[in-house]
Amino acid sequence: MTAGGPELADAEYVLPLRWADDRDLPDLAAYLGRLVAWLPVTVVDGSDDERFAAHGRAFPLAVRHVRPDPHPGRNGKVAGVVTGLRLARADRVVLADDDVRYDRPTLGAVLDRLADADVVRPQNVFDPLPWHARWDTARSLVNRAAGGDYPGTIALRRSALGPEGYDGDVLFENLELLRTARARGGIVRRADDLYVPRRPPTTAHFLGQRPRQAYDSLAQPGRYAAELAVLPVVVLAARRGPRALLALAAAACAVAEAGRRRAGGTARFPASADLLAPAWLLERGVCAWLVLALRATGGARYGGSRLPRAATPLRELRARAAAERSHRAAPAPVDGPAPGRPPAPRHGLETA
């Protein structure tokens, strides 16, 4: 921290939070203590009253700790994000989940990338790396090879989303935010070479995430169709014999390795995660079919609610943005005669 305040005073860190378990509170409080020396921090906390008070006592005094404002929709995280963006005192904002752990160089680097972008997507890496985090790393590697991973943190300019924020009634809120920025003409950049550590979830939480993460694919029909095809392809390969199954497994490992080699990833991702790619793809293939049942019964469960929509199609968001621009550009109505009534005769000069 400089004599005049945080080093990155022209940026802000926003952390939406809603906890039912405070086991990680000491670790989070220590992290926030480091962050406030680098830039202003706002935690938007939707936890119950008892935990909210405990968090306020544990967090450093320099952290702004507030309740989320109401926001339409059943995804409470979106309310936290939109509240934090509304309160932010700077245009450049880093949004991050409670398990994300930036260091000072990476924080500065992701903010610097906003010089020619409206949104920047870095790459998360699990630290530490228990078995289930290694399994989930296989997902990240496949995503890196096939269009990009969706991290638990982004950097953005507040203007990227507009005054209304983004839709709070979708499950895949990360994708919804990125699409909203794009629909408004924003530039969204991948930063696969910027690696931001995150804490792995508990094993129980990891297992509970399997169907929910698969449900996100409904927002990407091409990807979802490919995931639905995984199980039938595996069954057909199994009928042909072990060689066909080994060929499929080798192909999955090759895709993961392509993602691992992208942007210096070999130094950050263990090679053992490649070997878990076939298992992860099989898991996703099974869960893709479970998603059909979830969709038919009201959607995926998240935060005590069921969310039927994964995300809004980009074309629909673009249409909304165009309508918003047209509304802003429309001239103000001018007083005149009522429809069907001729104008009154004018006598002399009009005065203001």
Protein backbone atom coordinates (compact mmCIF):
# COMPACT_ATOMS: atom_id res chain seq x y z
CA MET A 1 0.00 0.00 0.00
CA THR A 2 1.30 3.43 -0.92
CA ALA A 3 1.19 6.45 1.37
CA GLY A 4 -1.91 7.68 -0.45
CA GLY A 5 -3.79 4.36 -0.39
CA PRO A 6 -3.86 1.06 -2.32
CA GLU A 7 -1.48 0.60 -5.26
CA LEU A 8 -4.35 0.02 -7.72
CA ALA A 9 -6.69 2.72 -6.48
CA ASP A 10 -8.18 3.14 -9.97
CA ALA A 11 -9.66 -0.37 -9.86
CA GLU A 12 -11.86 -2.37 -7.49
CA TYR A 13 -12.27 -5.99 -6.43
CA VAL A 14 -15.85 -7.25 -6.05
CA LEU A 15 -16.58 -10.57 -4.33
CA PRO A 16 -20.17 -11.89 -4.21
CA LEU A 17 -20.60 -14.18 -1.23
CA ARG A 18 -23.31 -16.37 0.25
CA TRP A 19 -22.14 -19.00 2.70
CA ALA A 20 -23.91 -21.61 4.77
CA ASP A 21 -20.60 -22.90 6.16
CA ASP A 22 -17.78 -20.74 7.53
CA ARG A 23 -15.02 -23.35 7.62
CA ASP A 24 -12.98 -21.32 5.08
CA LEU A 25 -13.49 -17.95 6.78
CA PRO A 26 -9.94 -17.63 8.21
CA ASP A 27 -8.40 -18.31 4.80
CA LEU A 28 -10.71 -15.83 3.05
CA ALA A 29 -10.14 -13.14 5.68
CA ALA A 30 -6.35 -13.52 5.34
CA TYR A 31 -6.64 -13.23 1.56
CA LEU A 32 -8.77 -10.08 1.82
CA GLY A 33 -6.15 -8.65 4.15
CA ARG A 34 -3.61 -8.96 1.34
CA LEU A 35 -5.99 -7.64 -1.30
CA VAL A 36 -6.85 -4.37 0.44
CA ALA A 37 -3.20 -3.34 0.24
CA TRP A 38 -3.44 -3.60 -3.55
CA LEU A 39 -6.88 -2.18 -4.40
CA PRO A 40 -10.27 -1.32 -2.82
CA VAL A 41 -12.37 -4.40 -2.00
CA THR A 42 -16.15 -4.79 -1.78
CA VAL A 43 -17.73 -8.00 -0.48
CA VAL A 44 -21.44 -8.30 -1.29
CA ASP A 45 -22.66 -10.80 1.27
CA GLY A 46 -26.01 -12.58 1.00
CA SER A 47 -25.36 -14.93 3.95
CA ASP A 48 -27.80 -15.20 6.85
CA ASP A 49 -27.71 -12.54 9.58
CA GLU A 50 -25.54 -14.52 11.98
CA ARG A 51 -22.92 -15.32 9.38
CA PHE A 52 -23.05 -11.83 7.91
CA ALA A 53 -22.14 -10.44 11.33
CA ALA A 54 -19.36 -13.00 11.79
CA HIS A 55 -17.93 -12.14 8.40
CA GLY A 56 -17.96 -8.44 9.23
CA ARG A 57 -15.95 -9.12 12.39
CA ALA A 58 -13.43 -11.33 10.56
CA PHE A 59 -12.83 -9.17 7.48
CA PRO A 60 -10.29 -6.33 7.55
CA LEU A 61 -11.78 -2.92 8.38
CA ALA A 62 -10.80 -1.58 4.96
CA VAL A 63 -13.12 -4.09 3.23
CA ARG A 64 -16.51 -2.65 2.31
CA HIS A 65 -18.98 -5.32 3.46
CA VAL A 66 -22.56 -4.87 2.25
CA ARG A 67 -25.82 -6.68 1.57
CA PRO A 68 -26.92 -7.30 -2.03
CA ASP A 69 -29.62 -5.06 -3.46
CA PRO A 70 -32.72 -6.70 -4.91
CA HIS A 71 -32.30 -7.82 -8.50
CA PRO A 72 -34.80 -9.68 -10.70
CA GLY A 73 -34.21 -13.40 -10.96
CA ARG A 74 -33.51 -16.46 -8.83
CA ASN A 75 -29.71 -16.55 -9.17
CA GLY A 76 -28.56 -14.73 -6.05
CA LYS A 77 -24.98 -14.46 -7.28
CA VAL A 78 -26.10 -12.11 -10.04
CA ALA A 79 -27.65 -9.78 -7.46
CA GLY A 80 -24.32 -9.71 -5.64
CA VAL A 81 -22.37 -8.95 -8.81
CA VAL A 82 -24.75 -6.22 -9.98
CA THR A 83 -24.75 -4.61 -6.53
CA GLY A 84 -20.95 -4.66 -6.41
CA LEU A 85 -20.66 -3.11 -9.87
CA ARG A 86 -23.14 -0.41 -8.94
CA LEU A 87 -21.17 0.47 -5.81
CA ALA A 88 -17.72 0.26 -7.40
CA ARG A 89 -15.77 3.51 -7.29
CA ALA A 90 -13.69 2.73 -10.39
CA ASP A 91 -14.46 1.69 -13.95
CA ARG A 92 -12.05 -1.27 -13.90
CA VAL A 93 -13.39 -4.09 -11.73
CA VAL A 94 -12.19 -7.59 -10.92
CA LEU A 95 -15.07 -9.96 -10.16
CA ALA A 96 -14.08 -13.12 -8.30
CA ASP A 97 -15.69 -16.03 -6.48
CA ASP A 98 -14.79 -16.64 -2.84
CA ASP A 99 -12.39 -19.47 -3.76
CA VAL A 100 -10.20 -17.36 -6.09
CA ARG A 101 -6.75 -16.31 -4.84
CA TYR A 102 -4.94 -13.67 -6.93
CA ASP A 103 -1.35 -12.67 -6.35
CA ARG A 104 -0.24 -9.08 -6.95
CA PRO A 105 1.45 -9.58 -10.37
CA THR A 106 -1.49 -11.49 -11.84
CA LEU A 107 -3.99 -8.98 -10.50
CA GLY A 108 -2.11 -6.13 -12.15
CA ALA A 109 -1.73 -8.11 -15.38
CA VAL A 110 -5.43 -8.91 -15.75
CA LEU A 111 -6.33 -5.25 -15.15
CA ASP A 112 -3.74 -4.14 -17.71
CA ARG A 113 -5.43 -6.31 -20.35
CA LEU A 114 -8.47 -4.02 -20.07
CA ALA A 115 -6.51 -1.39 -21.99
CA ASP A 116 -7.90 -2.85 -25.23
CA ALA A 117 -10.84 -4.92 -23.98
CA ASP A 118 -14.07 -4.58 -22.03
CA VAL A 119 -13.91 -8.04 -20.43
CA VAL A 120 -10.89 -10.29 -19.81
CA ARG A 121 -11.14 -14.01 -18.99
CA PRO A 122 -8.07 -15.42 -17.22
CA GLN A 123 -7.52 -19.12 -16.52
CA ASN A 124 -8.14 -20.69 -13.12
CA VAL A 125 -5.86 -23.43 -11.76
CA PHE A 126 -6.64 -25.46 -8.67
CA ASP A 127 -4.28 -25.13 -5.69
CA PRO A 128 -4.02 -27.52 -3.90
CA LEU A 129 -4.86 -30.41 -6.22
CA PRO A 130 -6.75 -33.30 -4.55
CA TRP A 131 -8.09 -36.09 -6.77
CA HIS A 132 -11.37 -34.38 -7.60
CA ALA A 133 -9.62 -31.11 -8.50
CA ARG A 134 -7.38 -33.11 -10.84
CA TRP A 135 -10.54 -34.63 -12.35
CA ASP A 136 -12.04 -31.16 -12.83
CA THR A 137 -8.76 -29.96 -14.31
CA ALA A 138 -9.37 -32.44 -17.14
CA ARG A 139 -12.56 -30.47 -17.87
CA SER A 140 -10.57 -27.23 -18.00
CA LEU A 141 -8.04 -28.74 -20.40
CA VAL A 142 -10.74 -29.99 -22.78
CA ASN A 143 -12.38 -26.55 -22.62
CA ARG A 144 -9.07 -24.83 -23.38
CA ALA A 145 -8.71 -26.96 -26.49
CA ALA A 146 -12.32 -26.42 -27.58
CA GLY A 147 -13.01 -22.71 -27.18
CA GLY A 148 -11.97 -21.63 -23.72
CA ASP A 149 -12.61 -22.39 -20.07
CA TYR A 150 -15.05 -20.38 -17.93
CA PRO A 151 -13.17 -19.17 -14.85
CA GLY A 152 -14.45 -18.10 -11.44
CA THR A 153 -13.08 -14.61 -12.06
CA ILE A 154 -13.03 -11.97 -14.78
CA ALA A 155 -11.90 -8.37 -15.13
CA LEU A 156 -14.28 -5.93 -16.78
CA ARG A 157 -15.22 -2.33 -17.27
CA ARG A 158 -18.42 -1.35 -15.48
CA SER A 159 -19.72 0.17 -18.72
CA ALA A 160 -19.59 -3.26 -20.40
CA LEU A 161 -22.95 -4.33 -18.96
CA GLY A 162 -24.92 -1.11 -18.78
CA PRO A 163 -27.04 0.19 -15.90
CA GLU A 164 -29.31 -2.87 -15.67
CA GLY A 165 -26.51 -5.42 -15.34
CA TYR A 166 -27.44 -8.82 -16.72
CA ASP A 167 -30.18 -11.44 -16.42
CA GLY A 168 -30.48 -12.93 -12.94
CA ASP A 169 -32.76 -15.80 -13.92
CA VAL A 170 -30.20 -18.09 -15.58
CA LEU A 171 -27.96 -20.84 -14.24
CA PHE A 172 -24.81 -20.22 -16.33
CA GLU A 173 -24.38 -16.64 -15.12
CA ASN A 174 -20.73 -16.41 -16.27
CA LEU A 175 -21.74 -17.03 -19.87
CA GLU A 176 -24.72 -14.69 -19.51
CA LEU A 177 -22.41 -11.89 -18.39
CA LEU A 178 -19.99 -12.45 -21.27
CA ARG A 179 -22.79 -12.61 -23.82
CA THR A 180 -24.37 -9.46 -22.44
CA ALA A 181 -21.09 -7.59 -22.84
CA ARG A 182 -20.70 -8.87 -26.41
CA ALA A 183 -24.29 -8.00 -27.29
CA ARG A 184 -23.62 -4.41 -26.24
CA GLY A 185 -20.61 -4.23 -28.55
CA GLY A 186 -17.99 -5.01 -25.91
CA ILE A 187 -14.68 -6.73 -26.65
CA VAL A 188 -14.21 -9.95 -24.67
CA ARG A 189 -10.70 -11.42 -24.64
CA ARG A 190 -9.39 -14.77 -23.44
CA ALA A 191 -6.25 -14.59 -21.35
CA ASP A 192 -5.26 -18.26 -21.28
CA ASP A 193 -1.73 -17.28 -20.24
CA LEU A 194 -2.85 -15.57 -17.01
CA TYR A 195 -3.21 -18.27 -14.35
CA VAL A 196 -5.19 -17.47 -11.21
CA PRO A 197 -5.22 -20.04 -8.38
CA ARG A 198 -8.47 -21.12 -6.81
CA ARG A 199 -9.23 -23.34 -3.85
CA PRO A 200 -10.86 -26.66 -4.74
CA PRO A 201 -14.31 -27.44 -3.34
CA THR A 202 -14.97 -30.20 -0.85
CA THR A 203 -15.49 -33.65 -2.33
CA ALA A 204 -19.21 -33.51 -1.49
CA HIS A 205 -19.61 -30.14 -3.20
CA PHE A 206 -17.69 -31.39 -6.22
CA LEU A 207 -20.01 -34.39 -6.57
CA GLY A 208 -23.06 -32.17 -6.25
CA GLN A 209 -21.81 -29.95 -9.08
CA ARG A 210 -21.76 -32.71 -11.71
CA PRO A 211 -25.36 -32.44 -13.02
CA ARG A 212 -25.41 -28.65 -12.60
CA GLN A 213 -22.27 -28.13 -14.68
CA ALA A 214 -23.67 -30.39 -17.38
CA TYR A 215 -26.89 -28.34 -17.37
CA ASP A 216 -24.86 -25.27 -18.38
CA SER A 217 -24.29 -26.88 -21.78
CA LEU A 218 -27.94 -26.28 -22.69
CA ALA A 219 -26.84 -22.71 -23.40
CA GLN A 220 -24.51 -24.03 -26.15
CA PRO A 221 -26.59 -26.34 -28.36
CA GLY A 222 -23.67 -27.57 -30.50
CA ARG A 223 -21.66 -28.50 -27.46
CA TYR A 224 -24.66 -30.13 -25.79
CA ALA A 225 -25.35 -32.26 -28.88
CA ALA A 226 -21.73 -33.45 -28.80
CA GLU A 227 -22.04 -34.33 -25.11
CA LEU A 228 -25.24 -36.28 -25.75
CA ALA A 229 -23.37 -38.24 -28.40
CA VAL A 230 -20.60 -39.33 -26.03
CA LEU A 231 -22.52 -42.16 -24.36
CA PRO A 232 -23.83 -43.76 -27.58
CA VAL A 233 -20.34 -43.55 -29.12
CA VAL A 234 -18.81 -45.25 -26.09
CA VAL A 235 -21.45 -47.99 -26.21
CA LEU A 236 -20.77 -48.60 -29.90
CA ALA A 237 -17.02 -48.67 -29.27
CA ALA A 238 -17.49 -51.15 -26.43
CA ARG A 239 -19.35 -53.48 -28.81
CA ARG A 240 -16.41 -53.35 -31.19
CA GLY A 241 -13.97 -54.31 -28.48
CA PRO A 242 -11.16 -52.99 -26.28
CA ARG A 243 -9.15 -51.51 -29.14
CA ALA A 244 -11.96 -49.15 -30.09
CA LEU A 245 -12.35 -48.06 -26.47
CA LEU A 246 -8.61 -47.46 -26.18
CA ALA A 247 -8.70 -45.38 -29.37
CA LEU A 248 -11.47 -43.21 -27.91
CA ALA A 249 -9.56 -42.81 -24.64
CA ALA A 250 -6.40 -41.85 -26.52
CA ALA A 251 -8.32 -39.26 -28.52
CA ALA A 252 -9.70 -37.73 -25.32
CA CYS A 253 -6.23 -37.56 -23.79
CA ALA A 254 -4.89 -35.93 -26.95
CA VAL A 255 -7.55 -33.21 -26.79
CA ALA A 256 -6.72 -32.54 -23.13
CA GLU A 257 -3.01 -32.39 -23.93
CA ALA A 258 -3.70 -29.83 -26.67
CA GLY A 259 -5.39 -27.68 -24.04
CA ARG A 260 -2.52 -28.23 -21.60
CA ARG A 261 0.03 -27.07 -24.16
CA ARG A 262 -1.85 -23.88 -24.94
CA ALA A 263 -0.33 -20.62 -23.63
CA GLY A 264 2.30 -22.20 -21.40
CA GLY A 265 -0.11 -24.52 -19.65
CA THR A 266 2.39 -27.36 -19.33
CA ALA A 267 4.04 -25.45 -16.48
CA ARG A 268 0.72 -25.01 -14.65
CA PHE A 269 -1.31 -28.18 -15.29
CA PRO A 270 -0.13 -31.69 -14.34
CA ALA A 271 0.16 -34.22 -17.16
CA SER A 272 -1.86 -36.64 -15.00
CA ALA A 273 -4.96 -34.53 -15.67
CA ASP A 274 -4.78 -35.62 -19.32
CA LEU A 275 -5.25 -39.22 -18.22
CA LEU A 276 -8.51 -38.28 -16.49
CA ALA A 277 -10.01 -36.71 -19.62
CA PRO A 278 -11.68 -39.98 -20.78
CA ALA A 279 -13.30 -40.42 -17.36
CA TRP A 280 -14.49 -36.82 -17.31
CA LEU A 281 -15.95 -37.08 -20.80
CA LEU A 282 -17.77 -40.26 -19.83
CA GLU A 283 -19.12 -38.50 -16.74
CA ARG A 284 -20.31 -35.60 -18.88
CA GLY A 285 -21.89 -37.96 -21.38
CA VAL A 286 -23.94 -39.60 -18.61
CA CYS A 287 -24.89 -36.27 -17.01
CA ALA A 288 -25.93 -34.84 -20.39
CA TRP A 289 -28.76 -37.35 -20.49
CA LEU A 290 -29.68 -36.60 -16.88
CA VAL A 291 -30.02 -32.97 -17.91
CA LEU A 292 -33.00 -33.90 -20.09
CA ALA A 293 -34.79 -35.15 -16.98
CA LEU A 294 -33.84 -32.03 -15.02
CA ARG A 295 -35.11 -29.78 -17.79
CA ALA A 296 -38.39 -31.66 -17.95
CA THR A 297 -38.90 -31.32 -14.18
CA GLY A 298 -38.28 -27.58 -13.85
CA GLY A 299 -34.55 -27.10 -14.27
CA ALA A 300 -31.36 -27.48 -12.27
CA ARG A 301 -31.38 -26.71 -8.56
CA TYR A 302 -29.25 -23.76 -7.47
CA GLY A 303 -29.39 -21.83 -4.22
CA GLY A 304 -32.71 -23.32 -3.17
CA SER A 305 -34.44 -22.63 -6.50
CA ARG A 306 -34.84 -24.40 -9.80
CA LEU A 307 -33.54 -22.55 -12.86
CA PRO A 308 -34.88 -23.83 -16.18
CA ARG A 309 -32.74 -21.57 -18.38
CA ALA A 310 -28.98 -22.00 -18.67
CA ALA A 311 -28.36 -18.69 -20.47
CA THR A 312 -29.95 -16.33 -22.99
CA PRO A 313 -29.07 -16.81 -26.69
CA LEU A 314 -26.69 -14.15 -27.98
CA ARG A 315 -29.06 -13.15 -30.79
CA GLU A 316 -31.77 -12.38 -28.22
CA LEU A 317 -29.40 -10.27 -26.14
CA ARG A 318 -28.31 -8.39 -29.27
CA ALA A 319 -31.93 -7.68 -30.11
CA ARG A 320 -32.50 -6.35 -26.60
CA ALA A 321 -29.39 -4.16 -26.82
CA ALA A 322 -30.49 -2.80 -30.20
CA ALA A 323 -33.95 -2.00 -28.82
CA GLU A 324 -32.34 -0.25 -25.85
CA ARG A 325 -30.15 1.85 -28.16
CA SER A 326 -33.15 2.74 -30.32
CA HIS A 327 -35.11 3.79 -27.27
CA ARG A 328 -32.29 6.04 -26.08
CA ALA A 329 -31.85 7.56 -29.53
CA ALA A 330 -35.56 8.23 -30.12
CA PRO A 331 -36.38 11.97 -30.03
CA ALA A 332 -38.44 13.20 -27.13
CA PRO A 333 -42.15 13.63 -27.96
CA VAL A 334 -43.08 17.15 -29.09
CA ASP A 335 -46.29 18.77 -27.94
CA GLY A 336 -48.74 19.11 -30.77
CA PRO A 337 -52.38 18.84 -31.64
CA ALA A 338 -54.28 15.75 -30.62
CA PRO A 339 -54.49 13.07 -33.33
CA GLY A 340 -57.16 13.92 -35.88
CA ARG A 341 -57.48 17.54 -34.74
CA PRO A 342 -56.20 20.35 -37.02
CA PRO A 343 -53.65 22.75 -35.55
CA ALA A 344 -55.03 25.95 -34.04
CA PRO A 345 -54.64 29.11 -36.12
CA ARG A 346 -51.55 31.17 -35.25
CA HIS A 347 -51.89 34.85 -34.51
CA GLY A 348 -48.73 36.95 -34.33
CA LEU A 349 -45.44 35.73 -32.82
CA GLU A 350 -45.15 32.90 -30.33
CA THR A 351 -43.17 33.51 -27.19
CA ALA A 352 -41.41 31.04 -25.00
